Amino acid sequence: MMGLFRKLMPREDKFFDMFVRHSKTVVGAAEALERLLKGEDVEGNCARIVALENDADDITREVLLAVRRSFITPFDRGDIKDLIQSMDDAVDMMHKTVKTIRLFEQTSFDPLMQEMGQGIVKAAHLIAEAVPLLDKMGANAHRLSTIAEEVTRVEGRSDELHEQGLKDLYRRHGATGNAMAYMVGSELYGNLEKIFDRFEDVANEISGILIENV
């Protein structure tokens, strides 16, 4: 009965606008991270990610406030909260990576880290494609499901790169006893891998919304 009632009532479409705005901060931060990992203007791109993370937090608060104030939402309130929070967690994890880079004053990065940066951009663009499709999820169900699967595949590749990266660190620094270099490198690889995990969380949220609403 409640589902029928929701369909008959006007929707709060502003949520989709906020989702899209947030997805743009995710893409912007991912692209800045990719440039950073290539060694391009490291501090400038760090600052860019921090600024975008602040913007993303503002949008997340805006969404959560709208959830509390809106009588009718386009889909379940809990799903709206979980979706925007999972998106925000991805940007937060990029910010955490910046903190590690600044703390240990890193200016150059391994080729495998750079490859992970490329994967992060790919995952971010997939999420940015998916978010506006939720406005008409019935018509876009197939593409949304495909995007979720693609994000999962990108995350799976990141697991391989993470493992290869740690092995490479051990080969380079284990024999020389450079424990600090190994520690910093492994923390960076771990942070990058967690960004992919957060993107997979977003994909899982989208899949769950599809199951409940289509």
N, C-alpha and C. Protein backbone atom coordinates (compact mmCIF):
# COMPACT_ATOMS: atom_id res chain seq x y z
N MET A 1 0.83 -1.21 0.00
CA MET A 1 0.00 0.00 0.00
C MET A 1 0.86 1.26 0.00
N MET A 2 1.90 1.25 0.86
CA MET A 2 2.79 2.41 0.92
C MET A 2 3.52 2.62 -0.41
N GLY A 3 3.89 1.50 -1.08
CA GLY A 3 4.56 1.62 -2.37
C GLY A 3 3.67 2.30 -3.39
N LEU A 4 2.38 1.93 -3.42
CA LEU A 4 1.44 2.57 -4.34
C LEU A 4 1.25 4.04 -4.00
N PHE A 5 1.19 4.34 -2.69
CA PHE A 5 1.03 5.72 -2.24
C PHE A 5 2.20 6.58 -2.71
N ARG A 6 3.41 6.03 -2.61
CA ARG A 6 4.61 6.76 -3.03
C ARG A 6 4.55 7.07 -4.53
N LYS A 7 4.10 6.10 -5.31
CA LYS A 7 4.05 6.29 -6.76
C LYS A 7 3.07 7.38 -7.16
N LEU A 8 2.02 7.54 -6.39
CA LEU A 8 1.00 8.53 -6.72
C LEU A 8 1.36 9.94 -6.28
N MET A 9 2.28 10.04 -5.34
CA MET A 9 2.67 11.35 -4.81
C MET A 9 3.82 11.93 -5.62
N PRO A 10 3.91 13.27 -5.69
CA PRO A 10 5.06 13.89 -6.38
C PRO A 10 6.35 13.57 -5.65
N ARG A 11 7.42 13.33 -6.41
CA ARG A 11 8.70 12.95 -5.82
C ARG A 11 9.56 14.17 -5.54
N GLU A 12 10.51 13.97 -4.65
CA GLU A 12 11.50 15.01 -4.37
C GLU A 12 12.71 14.76 -5.28
N ASP A 13 12.64 15.27 -6.52
CA ASP A 13 13.68 14.99 -7.50
C ASP A 13 14.99 15.70 -7.20
N LYS A 14 14.98 16.63 -6.23
CA LYS A 14 16.22 17.33 -5.88
C LYS A 14 17.29 16.35 -5.40
N PHE A 15 16.88 15.18 -4.90
CA PHE A 15 17.85 14.21 -4.44
C PHE A 15 18.78 13.79 -5.58
N PHE A 16 18.23 13.60 -6.77
CA PHE A 16 19.05 13.17 -7.90
C PHE A 16 20.05 14.26 -8.28
N ASP A 17 19.62 15.51 -8.19
CA ASP A 17 20.55 16.61 -8.46
C ASP A 17 21.71 16.59 -7.47
N MET A 18 21.41 16.32 -6.21
CA MET A 18 22.46 16.27 -5.20
C MET A 18 23.38 15.07 -5.40
N PHE A 19 22.80 13.93 -5.79
CA PHE A 19 23.63 12.76 -6.09
C PHE A 19 24.61 13.07 -7.22
N VAL A 20 24.11 13.74 -8.26
CA VAL A 20 24.96 14.07 -9.40
C VAL A 20 26.06 15.04 -8.99
N ARG A 21 25.71 16.05 -8.20
CA ARG A 21 26.73 16.99 -7.73
C ARG A 21 27.80 16.27 -6.93
N HIS A 22 27.37 15.35 -6.08
CA HIS A 22 28.36 14.62 -5.28
C HIS A 22 29.24 13.75 -6.17
N SER A 23 28.63 13.11 -7.17
CA SER A 23 29.42 12.24 -8.05
C SER A 23 30.49 13.03 -8.79
N LYS A 24 30.22 14.31 -9.05
CA LYS A 24 31.22 15.15 -9.72
C LYS A 24 32.40 15.42 -8.80
N THR A 25 32.16 15.54 -7.50
CA THR A 25 33.29 15.69 -6.57
C THR A 25 34.10 14.41 -6.52
N VAL A 26 33.42 13.27 -6.61
CA VAL A 26 34.12 11.98 -6.60
C VAL A 26 35.04 11.87 -7.82
N VAL A 27 34.52 12.22 -8.99
CA VAL A 27 35.32 12.16 -10.21
C VAL A 27 36.48 13.14 -10.15
N GLY A 28 36.20 14.36 -9.70
CA GLY A 28 37.26 15.36 -9.60
C GLY A 28 38.38 14.94 -8.68
N ALA A 29 38.01 14.37 -7.53
CA ALA A 29 39.03 13.90 -6.58
C ALA A 29 39.81 12.73 -7.16
N ALA A 30 39.12 11.82 -7.86
CA ALA A 30 39.80 10.66 -8.46
C ALA A 30 40.79 11.10 -9.52
N GLU A 31 40.40 12.07 -10.35
CA GLU A 31 41.30 12.56 -11.40
C GLU A 31 42.50 13.29 -10.80
N ALA A 32 42.28 14.03 -9.71
CA ALA A 32 43.39 14.69 -9.03
C ALA A 32 44.34 13.67 -8.43
N LEU A 33 43.78 12.59 -7.88
CA LEU A 33 44.61 11.53 -7.31
C LEU A 33 45.44 10.84 -8.39
N GLU A 34 44.83 10.61 -9.54
CA GLU A 34 45.57 9.99 -10.64
C GLU A 34 46.76 10.87 -11.05
N ARG A 35 46.53 12.17 -11.19
CA ARG A 35 47.62 13.08 -11.55
C ARG A 35 48.69 13.11 -10.46
N LEU A 36 48.24 13.12 -9.22
CA LEU A 36 49.17 13.12 -8.09
C LEU A 36 50.09 11.90 -8.14
N LEU A 37 49.50 10.73 -8.37
CA LEU A 37 50.28 9.48 -8.38
C LEU A 37 51.25 9.43 -9.56
N LYS A 38 51.01 10.25 -10.58
CA LYS A 38 51.96 10.37 -11.68
C LYS A 38 53.08 11.34 -11.34
N GLY A 39 52.99 11.96 -10.17
CA GLY A 39 54.00 12.91 -9.75
C GLY A 39 53.77 14.31 -10.26
N GLU A 40 52.56 14.58 -10.76
CA GLU A 40 52.24 15.89 -11.32
C GLU A 40 51.70 16.82 -10.23
N ASP A 41 52.41 17.90 -9.95
CA ASP A 41 51.95 18.91 -8.99
C ASP A 41 51.35 18.23 -7.75
N VAL A 42 52.18 17.49 -7.05
CA VAL A 42 51.70 16.67 -5.94
C VAL A 42 50.94 17.50 -4.91
N GLU A 43 51.53 18.60 -4.45
CA GLU A 43 50.88 19.39 -3.42
C GLU A 43 49.60 20.05 -3.94
N GLY A 44 49.64 20.53 -5.18
CA GLY A 44 48.46 21.15 -5.75
C GLY A 44 47.30 20.18 -5.85
N ASN A 45 47.58 18.95 -6.27
CA ASN A 45 46.53 17.95 -6.37
C ASN A 45 46.07 17.45 -5.01
N CYS A 46 46.98 17.43 -4.04
CA CYS A 46 46.57 17.11 -2.66
C CYS A 46 45.55 18.14 -2.18
N ALA A 47 45.87 19.42 -2.41
CA ALA A 47 44.96 20.49 -1.99
C ALA A 47 43.62 20.39 -2.71
N ARG A 48 43.66 20.01 -3.96
CA ARG A 48 42.43 19.85 -4.76
C ARG A 48 41.54 18.77 -4.14
N ILE A 49 42.12 17.66 -3.75
CA ILE A 49 41.35 16.57 -3.15
C ILE A 49 40.74 17.00 -1.82
N VAL A 50 41.52 17.72 -1.01
CA VAL A 50 41.02 18.20 0.28
C VAL A 50 39.82 19.12 0.07
N ALA A 51 39.92 20.03 -0.91
CA ALA A 51 38.82 20.96 -1.18
C ALA A 51 37.57 20.21 -1.66
N LEU A 52 37.76 19.21 -2.52
CA LEU A 52 36.63 18.45 -3.03
C LEU A 52 36.00 17.59 -1.93
N GLU A 53 36.83 17.10 -1.02
CA GLU A 53 36.30 16.32 0.10
C GLU A 53 35.41 17.20 0.97
N ASN A 54 35.80 18.45 1.16
CA ASN A 54 34.96 19.38 1.92
C ASN A 54 33.63 19.64 1.20
N ASP A 55 33.72 19.81 -0.13
CA ASP A 55 32.50 20.00 -0.92
C ASP A 55 31.58 18.77 -0.81
N ALA A 56 32.18 17.59 -0.88
CA ALA A 56 31.41 16.35 -0.79
C ALA A 56 30.72 16.23 0.57
N ASP A 57 31.42 16.62 1.63
CA ASP A 57 30.81 16.60 2.96
C ASP A 57 29.61 17.53 3.04
N ASP A 58 29.75 18.70 2.42
CA ASP A 58 28.64 19.66 2.42
C ASP A 58 27.42 19.09 1.72
N ILE A 59 27.64 18.45 0.58
CA ILE A 59 26.52 17.87 -0.17
C ILE A 59 25.90 16.72 0.61
N THR A 60 26.74 15.92 1.26
CA THR A 60 26.21 14.82 2.06
C THR A 60 25.32 15.33 3.18
N ARG A 61 25.75 16.38 3.86
CA ARG A 61 24.91 16.97 4.91
C ARG A 61 23.60 17.50 4.33
N GLU A 62 23.69 18.07 3.13
CA GLU A 62 22.50 18.59 2.47
C GLU A 62 21.50 17.47 2.17
N VAL A 63 22.02 16.34 1.71
CA VAL A 63 21.16 15.19 1.43
C VAL A 63 20.50 14.68 2.71
N LEU A 64 21.30 14.52 3.76
CA LEU A 64 20.75 13.99 5.01
C LEU A 64 19.71 14.92 5.61
N LEU A 65 19.93 16.23 5.47
CA LEU A 65 18.93 17.19 5.94
C LEU A 65 17.66 17.09 5.12
N ALA A 66 17.80 16.94 3.81
CA ALA A 66 16.64 16.82 2.92
C ALA A 66 15.85 15.54 3.23
N VAL A 67 16.55 14.47 3.59
CA VAL A 67 15.86 13.23 3.94
C VAL A 67 14.96 13.45 5.15
N ARG A 68 15.46 14.20 6.12
CA ARG A 68 14.67 14.45 7.33
C ARG A 68 13.49 15.37 7.05
N ARG A 69 13.64 16.30 6.13
CA ARG A 69 12.62 17.31 5.90
C ARG A 69 11.60 16.93 4.82
N SER A 70 11.92 15.96 3.98
CA SER A 70 11.05 15.62 2.85
C SER A 70 9.98 14.62 3.26
N PHE A 71 8.75 14.88 2.83
CA PHE A 71 7.66 13.95 3.10
C PHE A 71 7.73 12.73 2.19
N ILE A 72 8.01 13.00 0.92
CA ILE A 72 8.12 11.92 -0.06
C ILE A 72 9.53 11.91 -0.62
N THR A 73 10.15 10.75 -0.65
CA THR A 73 11.49 10.59 -1.22
C THR A 73 11.41 9.63 -2.41
N PRO A 74 12.35 9.72 -3.36
CA PRO A 74 12.25 8.89 -4.58
C PRO A 74 12.39 7.40 -4.30
N PHE A 75 13.12 7.04 -3.26
CA PHE A 75 13.16 5.66 -2.78
C PHE A 75 13.45 5.68 -1.29
N ASP A 76 13.58 4.53 -0.71
CA ASP A 76 13.66 4.40 0.74
C ASP A 76 14.68 5.36 1.37
N ARG A 77 14.31 5.99 2.47
CA ARG A 77 15.18 6.96 3.13
C ARG A 77 16.51 6.34 3.56
N GLY A 78 16.42 5.11 4.07
CA GLY A 78 17.65 4.43 4.48
C GLY A 78 18.58 4.18 3.30
N ASP A 79 18.00 3.86 2.13
CA ASP A 79 18.82 3.64 0.94
C ASP A 79 19.46 4.95 0.46
N ILE A 80 18.71 6.05 0.56
CA ILE A 80 19.28 7.35 0.19
C ILE A 80 20.48 7.67 1.08
N LYS A 81 20.29 7.49 2.39
CA LYS A 81 21.37 7.76 3.34
C LYS A 81 22.58 6.87 3.06
N ASP A 82 22.34 5.58 2.84
CA ASP A 82 23.45 4.65 2.62
C ASP A 82 24.17 4.93 1.31
N LEU A 83 23.42 5.32 0.27
CA LEU A 83 24.04 5.61 -1.02
C LEU A 83 24.96 6.83 -0.92
N ILE A 84 24.45 7.93 -0.38
CA ILE A 84 25.28 9.14 -0.32
C ILE A 84 26.45 8.94 0.64
N GLN A 85 26.24 8.17 1.70
CA GLN A 85 27.33 7.95 2.65
C GLN A 85 28.42 7.09 2.02
N SER A 86 28.04 6.08 1.23
CA SER A 86 29.04 5.24 0.58
C SER A 86 29.84 6.04 -0.45
N MET A 87 29.17 6.95 -1.16
CA MET A 87 29.87 7.83 -2.10
C MET A 87 30.84 8.74 -1.35
N ASP A 88 30.37 9.25 -0.22
CA ASP A 88 31.20 10.15 0.57
C ASP A 88 32.40 9.42 1.16
N ASP A 89 32.20 8.17 1.51
CA ASP A 89 33.31 7.37 2.07
C ASP A 89 34.44 7.22 1.06
N ALA A 90 34.10 7.15 -0.23
CA ALA A 90 35.13 7.03 -1.27
C ALA A 90 36.00 8.28 -1.30
N VAL A 91 35.37 9.46 -1.22
CA VAL A 91 36.14 10.70 -1.21
C VAL A 91 36.94 10.82 0.08
N ASP A 92 36.33 10.41 1.19
CA ASP A 92 37.04 10.45 2.47
C ASP A 92 38.30 9.60 2.42
N MET A 93 38.22 8.46 1.75
CA MET A 93 39.38 7.58 1.65
C MET A 93 40.47 8.19 0.78
N MET A 94 40.08 8.93 -0.24
CA MET A 94 41.08 9.66 -1.04
C MET A 94 41.75 10.73 -0.18
N HIS A 95 40.97 11.39 0.66
CA HIS A 95 41.53 12.39 1.58
C HIS A 95 42.51 11.73 2.54
N LYS A 96 42.17 10.56 3.04
CA LYS A 96 43.07 9.85 3.95
C LYS A 96 44.38 9.51 3.24
N THR A 97 44.30 9.16 1.97
CA THR A 97 45.50 8.88 1.19
C THR A 97 46.37 10.13 1.09
N VAL A 98 45.73 11.27 0.90
CA VAL A 98 46.46 12.54 0.86
C VAL A 98 47.18 12.79 2.18
N LYS A 99 46.52 12.50 3.29
CA LYS A 99 47.14 12.68 4.60
C LYS A 99 48.41 11.84 4.74
N THR A 100 48.35 10.62 4.25
CA THR A 100 49.53 9.74 4.29
C THR A 100 50.64 10.30 3.43
N ILE A 101 50.30 10.76 2.24
CA ILE A 101 51.29 11.32 1.31
C ILE A 101 51.96 12.54 1.93
N ARG A 102 51.17 13.40 2.53
CA ARG A 102 51.74 14.60 3.15
C ARG A 102 52.56 14.27 4.38
N LEU A 103 52.07 13.34 5.18
CA LEU A 103 52.77 12.99 6.42
C LEU A 103 54.18 12.48 6.14
N PHE A 104 54.29 11.62 5.12
CA PHE A 104 55.58 11.02 4.81
C PHE A 104 56.30 11.72 3.66
N GLU A 105 55.75 12.87 3.23
CA GLU A 105 56.37 13.73 2.23
C GLU A 105 56.75 12.96 0.96
N GLN A 106 55.76 12.24 0.45
CA GLN A 106 55.98 11.45 -0.76
C GLN A 106 55.78 12.31 -2.00
N THR A 107 56.69 12.19 -2.94
CA THR A 107 56.59 12.95 -4.19
C THR A 107 56.67 12.08 -5.44
N SER A 108 57.01 10.82 -5.26
CA SER A 108 57.05 9.88 -6.40
C SER A 108 56.40 8.58 -5.98
N PHE A 109 55.82 7.88 -6.97
CA PHE A 109 54.98 6.74 -6.65
C PHE A 109 55.23 5.60 -7.63
N ASP A 110 55.08 4.39 -7.13
CA ASP A 110 55.37 3.19 -7.92
C ASP A 110 54.43 3.10 -9.14
N PRO A 111 54.91 2.47 -10.22
CA PRO A 111 54.05 2.27 -11.40
C PRO A 111 52.74 1.54 -11.08
N LEU A 112 52.78 0.59 -10.15
CA LEU A 112 51.56 -0.13 -9.81
C LEU A 112 50.57 0.79 -9.06
N MET A 113 51.10 1.72 -8.28
CA MET A 113 50.22 2.71 -7.64
C MET A 113 49.57 3.59 -8.72
N GLN A 114 50.35 3.94 -9.73
CA GLN A 114 49.81 4.75 -10.81
C GLN A 114 48.72 4.00 -11.57
N GLU A 115 48.93 2.71 -11.74
CA GLU A 115 47.90 1.90 -12.41
C GLU A 115 46.63 1.84 -11.55
N MET A 116 46.81 1.75 -10.24
CA MET A 116 45.65 1.78 -9.36
C MET A 116 44.93 3.13 -9.47
N GLY A 117 45.69 4.20 -9.63
CA GLY A 117 45.08 5.51 -9.83
C GLY A 117 44.20 5.55 -11.06
N GLN A 118 44.66 4.91 -12.14
CA GLN A 118 43.85 4.85 -13.36
C GLN A 118 42.56 4.08 -13.11
N GLY A 119 42.65 3.00 -12.34
CA GLY A 119 41.46 2.22 -12.02
C GLY A 119 40.47 2.99 -11.16
N ILE A 120 41.00 3.81 -10.26
CA ILE A 120 40.13 4.64 -9.41
C ILE A 120 39.34 5.62 -10.27
N VAL A 121 39.99 6.22 -11.26
CA VAL A 121 39.29 7.13 -12.16
C VAL A 121 38.21 6.38 -12.94
N LYS A 122 38.52 5.18 -13.40
CA LYS A 122 37.53 4.40 -14.13
C LYS A 122 36.32 4.10 -13.26
N ALA A 123 36.56 3.69 -12.02
CA ALA A 123 35.46 3.38 -11.11
C ALA A 123 34.64 4.63 -10.81
N ALA A 124 35.31 5.76 -10.63
CA ALA A 124 34.61 7.01 -10.34
C ALA A 124 33.69 7.41 -11.50
N HIS A 125 34.17 7.25 -12.72
CA HIS A 125 33.35 7.59 -13.89
C HIS A 125 32.16 6.64 -14.03
N LEU A 126 32.36 5.39 -13.67
CA LEU A 126 31.24 4.44 -13.72
C LEU A 126 30.16 4.85 -12.72
N ILE A 127 30.57 5.23 -11.51
CA ILE A 127 29.60 5.68 -10.51
C ILE A 127 28.89 6.94 -10.99
N ALA A 128 29.66 7.87 -11.58
CA ALA A 128 29.07 9.11 -12.07
C ALA A 128 28.07 8.85 -13.20
N GLU A 129 28.31 7.80 -13.98
CA GLU A 129 27.34 7.43 -15.02
C GLU A 129 26.08 6.82 -14.40
N ALA A 130 26.27 6.04 -13.35
CA ALA A 130 25.14 5.32 -12.76
C ALA A 130 24.17 6.23 -12.01
N VAL A 131 24.71 7.20 -11.29
CA VAL A 131 23.88 8.00 -10.38
C VAL A 131 22.69 8.67 -11.08
N PRO A 132 22.86 9.37 -12.20
CA PRO A 132 21.68 10.00 -12.82
C PRO A 132 20.69 8.99 -13.40
N LEU A 133 21.16 7.78 -13.68
CA LEU A 133 20.26 6.75 -14.22
C LEU A 133 19.25 6.28 -13.19
N LEU A 134 19.52 6.52 -11.90
CA LEU A 134 18.60 6.10 -10.85
C LEU A 134 17.28 6.86 -10.91
N ASP A 135 17.27 8.00 -11.57
CA ASP A 135 16.04 8.79 -11.69
C ASP A 135 14.96 8.02 -12.43
N LYS A 136 15.37 7.19 -13.38
CA LYS A 136 14.43 6.33 -14.11
C LYS A 136 15.02 4.92 -14.10
N MET A 137 15.10 4.37 -12.91
CA MET A 137 15.83 3.11 -12.75
C MET A 137 15.17 1.93 -13.46
N GLY A 138 13.85 1.98 -13.63
CA GLY A 138 13.20 0.89 -14.35
C GLY A 138 13.69 0.79 -15.78
N ALA A 139 13.73 1.91 -16.46
CA ALA A 139 14.19 1.94 -17.85
C ALA A 139 15.69 1.69 -17.95
N ASN A 140 16.42 2.02 -16.88
CA ASN A 140 17.88 1.92 -16.91
C ASN A 140 18.42 0.74 -16.10
N ALA A 141 17.54 -0.18 -15.74
CA ALA A 141 17.94 -1.26 -14.84
C ALA A 141 19.09 -2.09 -15.41
N HIS A 142 19.03 -2.40 -16.70
CA HIS A 142 20.08 -3.24 -17.28
C HIS A 142 21.43 -2.55 -17.23
N ARG A 143 21.47 -1.28 -17.62
CA ARG A 143 22.74 -0.56 -17.61
C ARG A 143 23.26 -0.39 -16.19
N LEU A 144 22.36 -0.13 -15.25
CA LEU A 144 22.78 0.01 -13.85
C LEU A 144 23.39 -1.29 -13.33
N SER A 145 22.78 -2.40 -13.67
CA SER A 145 23.32 -3.69 -13.26
C SER A 145 24.69 -3.94 -13.88
N THR A 146 24.83 -3.57 -15.16
CA THR A 146 26.11 -3.73 -15.85
C THR A 146 27.19 -2.88 -15.21
N ILE A 147 26.84 -1.64 -14.86
CA ILE A 147 27.81 -0.75 -14.22
C ILE A 147 28.28 -1.34 -12.89
N ALA A 148 27.34 -1.85 -12.11
CA ALA A 148 27.70 -2.45 -10.82
C ALA A 148 28.66 -3.61 -11.01
N GLU A 149 28.43 -4.42 -12.03
CA GLU A 149 29.32 -5.54 -12.32
C GLU A 149 30.70 -5.04 -12.76
N GLU A 150 30.72 -3.98 -13.56
CA GLU A 150 32.00 -3.43 -14.02
C GLU A 150 32.81 -2.88 -12.86
N VAL A 151 32.15 -2.20 -11.92
CA VAL A 151 32.85 -1.70 -10.73
C VAL A 151 33.44 -2.86 -9.94
N THR A 152 32.70 -3.94 -9.82
CA THR A 152 33.20 -5.11 -9.10
C THR A 152 34.43 -5.69 -9.80
N ARG A 153 34.42 -5.71 -11.12
CA ARG A 153 35.59 -6.21 -11.86
C ARG A 153 36.80 -5.30 -11.65
N VAL A 154 36.58 -3.99 -11.66
CA VAL A 154 37.68 -3.05 -11.42
C VAL A 154 38.25 -3.26 -10.02
N GLU A 155 37.36 -3.47 -9.05
CA GLU A 155 37.82 -3.72 -7.68
C GLU A 155 38.63 -5.01 -7.61
N GLY A 156 38.21 -6.02 -8.36
CA GLY A 156 38.95 -7.28 -8.38
C GLY A 156 40.35 -7.11 -8.93
N ARG A 157 40.49 -6.30 -9.96
CA ARG A 157 41.81 -6.01 -10.52
C ARG A 157 42.66 -5.27 -9.51
N SER A 158 42.04 -4.41 -8.71
CA SER A 158 42.80 -3.66 -7.71
C SER A 158 43.38 -4.59 -6.66
N ASP A 159 42.67 -5.67 -6.34
CA ASP A 159 43.21 -6.65 -5.39
C ASP A 159 44.52 -7.24 -5.92
N GLU A 160 44.53 -7.53 -7.22
CA GLU A 160 45.74 -8.09 -7.83
C GLU A 160 46.89 -7.08 -7.78
N LEU A 161 46.60 -5.82 -8.11
CA LEU A 161 47.63 -4.79 -8.09
C LEU A 161 48.16 -4.55 -6.68
N HIS A 162 47.27 -4.59 -5.71
CA HIS A 162 47.66 -4.43 -4.32
C HIS A 162 48.64 -5.52 -3.91
N GLU A 163 48.30 -6.74 -4.25
CA GLU A 163 49.17 -7.88 -3.89
C GLU A 163 50.51 -7.78 -4.61
N GLN A 164 50.48 -7.46 -5.90
CA GLN A 164 51.73 -7.31 -6.66
C GLN A 164 52.58 -6.19 -6.08
N GLY A 165 51.92 -5.10 -5.68
CA GLY A 165 52.64 -3.96 -5.13
C GLY A 165 53.37 -4.30 -3.84
N LEU A 166 52.70 -5.04 -2.97
CA LEU A 166 53.32 -5.43 -1.71
C LEU A 166 54.51 -6.36 -1.95
N LYS A 167 54.37 -7.27 -2.91
CA LYS A 167 55.48 -8.17 -3.24
C LYS A 167 56.67 -7.38 -3.79
N ASP A 168 56.36 -6.40 -4.62
CA ASP A 168 57.41 -5.56 -5.20
C ASP A 168 58.12 -4.76 -4.11
N LEU A 169 57.37 -4.22 -3.18
CA LEU A 169 57.97 -3.49 -2.06
C LEU A 169 58.90 -4.38 -1.26
N TYR A 170 58.46 -5.60 -1.01
CA TYR A 170 59.30 -6.52 -0.23
C TYR A 170 60.58 -6.86 -0.96
N ARG A 171 60.47 -7.09 -2.28
CA ARG A 171 61.67 -7.41 -3.05
C ARG A 171 62.67 -6.25 -3.04
N ARG A 172 62.15 -5.03 -3.11
CA ARG A 172 63.03 -3.86 -3.19
C ARG A 172 63.58 -3.43 -1.85
N HIS A 173 62.77 -3.55 -0.81
CA HIS A 173 63.18 -2.99 0.48
C HIS A 173 63.44 -4.03 1.57
N GLY A 174 62.93 -5.25 1.36
CA GLY A 174 63.16 -6.28 2.36
C GLY A 174 64.62 -6.64 2.51
N ALA A 175 65.29 -6.80 1.37
CA ALA A 175 66.70 -7.21 1.41
C ALA A 175 67.60 -6.12 1.97
N THR A 176 67.22 -4.86 1.76
CA THR A 176 68.06 -3.75 2.22
C THR A 176 67.72 -3.34 3.64
N GLY A 177 66.66 -3.89 4.20
CA GLY A 177 66.28 -3.56 5.56
C GLY A 177 65.68 -2.17 5.71
N ASN A 178 65.18 -1.61 4.60
CA ASN A 178 64.58 -0.27 4.65
C ASN A 178 63.12 -0.41 5.08
N ALA A 179 62.94 -0.58 6.39
CA ALA A 179 61.61 -0.84 6.92
C ALA A 179 60.67 0.35 6.70
N MET A 180 61.20 1.57 6.80
CA MET A 180 60.35 2.75 6.64
C MET A 180 59.76 2.82 5.22
N ALA A 181 60.60 2.58 4.22
CA ALA A 181 60.11 2.63 2.84
C ALA A 181 59.03 1.57 2.61
N TYR A 182 59.24 0.39 3.19
CA TYR A 182 58.25 -0.66 3.05
C TYR A 182 56.95 -0.27 3.75
N MET A 183 57.06 0.29 4.95
CA MET A 183 55.88 0.66 5.73
C MET A 183 55.06 1.73 5.00
N VAL A 184 55.74 2.77 4.51
CA VAL A 184 55.03 3.85 3.82
C VAL A 184 54.38 3.32 2.55
N GLY A 185 55.13 2.55 1.79
CA GLY A 185 54.58 2.00 0.55
C GLY A 185 53.38 1.10 0.79
N SER A 186 53.48 0.25 1.81
CA SER A 186 52.37 -0.67 2.08
C SER A 186 51.14 0.08 2.56
N GLU A 187 51.34 1.17 3.31
CA GLU A 187 50.19 1.96 3.76
C GLU A 187 49.52 2.63 2.58
N LEU A 188 50.31 3.15 1.64
CA LEU A 188 49.73 3.78 0.46
C LEU A 188 48.95 2.76 -0.37
N TYR A 189 49.54 1.58 -0.58
CA TYR A 189 48.83 0.55 -1.33
C TYR A 189 47.53 0.18 -0.62
N GLY A 190 47.58 0.09 0.71
CA GLY A 190 46.38 -0.24 1.48
C GLY A 190 45.30 0.82 1.34
N ASN A 191 45.71 2.09 1.39
CA ASN A 191 44.74 3.17 1.23
C ASN A 191 44.09 3.14 -0.15
N LEU A 192 44.91 2.93 -1.18
CA LEU A 192 44.37 2.90 -2.54
C LEU A 192 43.39 1.74 -2.71
N GLU A 193 43.73 0.60 -2.12
CA GLU A 193 42.84 -0.56 -2.21
C GLU A 193 41.51 -0.27 -1.51
N LYS A 194 41.55 0.45 -0.40
CA LYS A 194 40.32 0.77 0.32
C LYS A 194 39.43 1.74 -0.46
N ILE A 195 40.02 2.58 -1.30
CA ILE A 195 39.20 3.44 -2.17
C ILE A 195 38.35 2.57 -3.09
N PHE A 196 38.99 1.55 -3.68
CA PHE A 196 38.24 0.63 -4.55
C PHE A 196 37.13 -0.07 -3.76
N ASP A 197 37.42 -0.45 -2.52
CA ASP A 197 36.41 -1.10 -1.69
C ASP A 197 35.21 -0.18 -1.48
N ARG A 198 35.47 1.11 -1.30
CA ARG A 198 34.37 2.06 -1.10
C ARG A 198 33.54 2.19 -2.37
N PHE A 199 34.21 2.15 -3.53
CA PHE A 199 33.45 2.19 -4.79
C PHE A 199 32.60 0.94 -4.94
N GLU A 200 33.12 -0.18 -4.52
CA GLU A 200 32.32 -1.40 -4.58
C GLU A 200 31.12 -1.30 -3.65
N ASP A 201 31.29 -0.63 -2.51
CA ASP A 201 30.15 -0.39 -1.61
C ASP A 201 29.07 0.41 -2.32
N VAL A 202 29.48 1.44 -3.08
CA VAL A 202 28.51 2.24 -3.83
C VAL A 202 27.76 1.35 -4.83
N ALA A 203 28.52 0.53 -5.55
CA ALA A 203 27.90 -0.37 -6.53
C ALA A 203 26.92 -1.31 -5.86
N ASN A 204 27.27 -1.81 -4.68
CA ASN A 204 26.36 -2.71 -3.96
C ASN A 204 25.10 -1.98 -3.51
N GLU A 205 25.25 -0.72 -3.10
CA GLU A 205 24.07 0.07 -2.73
C GLU A 205 23.14 0.24 -3.92
N ILE A 206 23.72 0.53 -5.09
CA ILE A 206 22.91 0.70 -6.30
C ILE A 206 22.19 -0.61 -6.63
N SER A 207 22.89 -1.72 -6.53
CA SER A 207 22.26 -3.02 -6.80
C SER A 207 21.11 -3.29 -5.84
N GLY A 208 21.33 -2.94 -4.56
CA GLY A 208 20.27 -3.14 -3.58
C GLY A 208 19.05 -2.28 -3.86
N ILE A 209 19.27 -1.03 -4.29
CA ILE A 209 18.16 -0.14 -4.62
C ILE A 209 17.37 -0.70 -5.80
N LEU A 210 18.09 -1.25 -6.78
CA LEU A 210 17.42 -1.86 -7.93
C LEU A 210 16.54 -3.03 -7.51
N ILE A 211 17.08 -3.86 -6.65
CA ILE A 211 16.33 -5.05 -6.21
C ILE A 211 15.05 -4.63 -5.51
N GLU A 212 15.10 -3.57 -4.72
CA GLU A 212 13.94 -3.15 -3.95
C GLU A 212 12.91 -2.36 -4.76
N ASN A 213 13.33 -1.77 -5.86
CA ASN A 213 12.46 -0.82 -6.55
C ASN A 213 12.09 -1.19 -7.98
N VAL A 214 12.72 -2.20 -8.55
CA VAL A 214 12.44 -2.54 -9.95
C VAL A 214 11.84 -3.95 -10.02
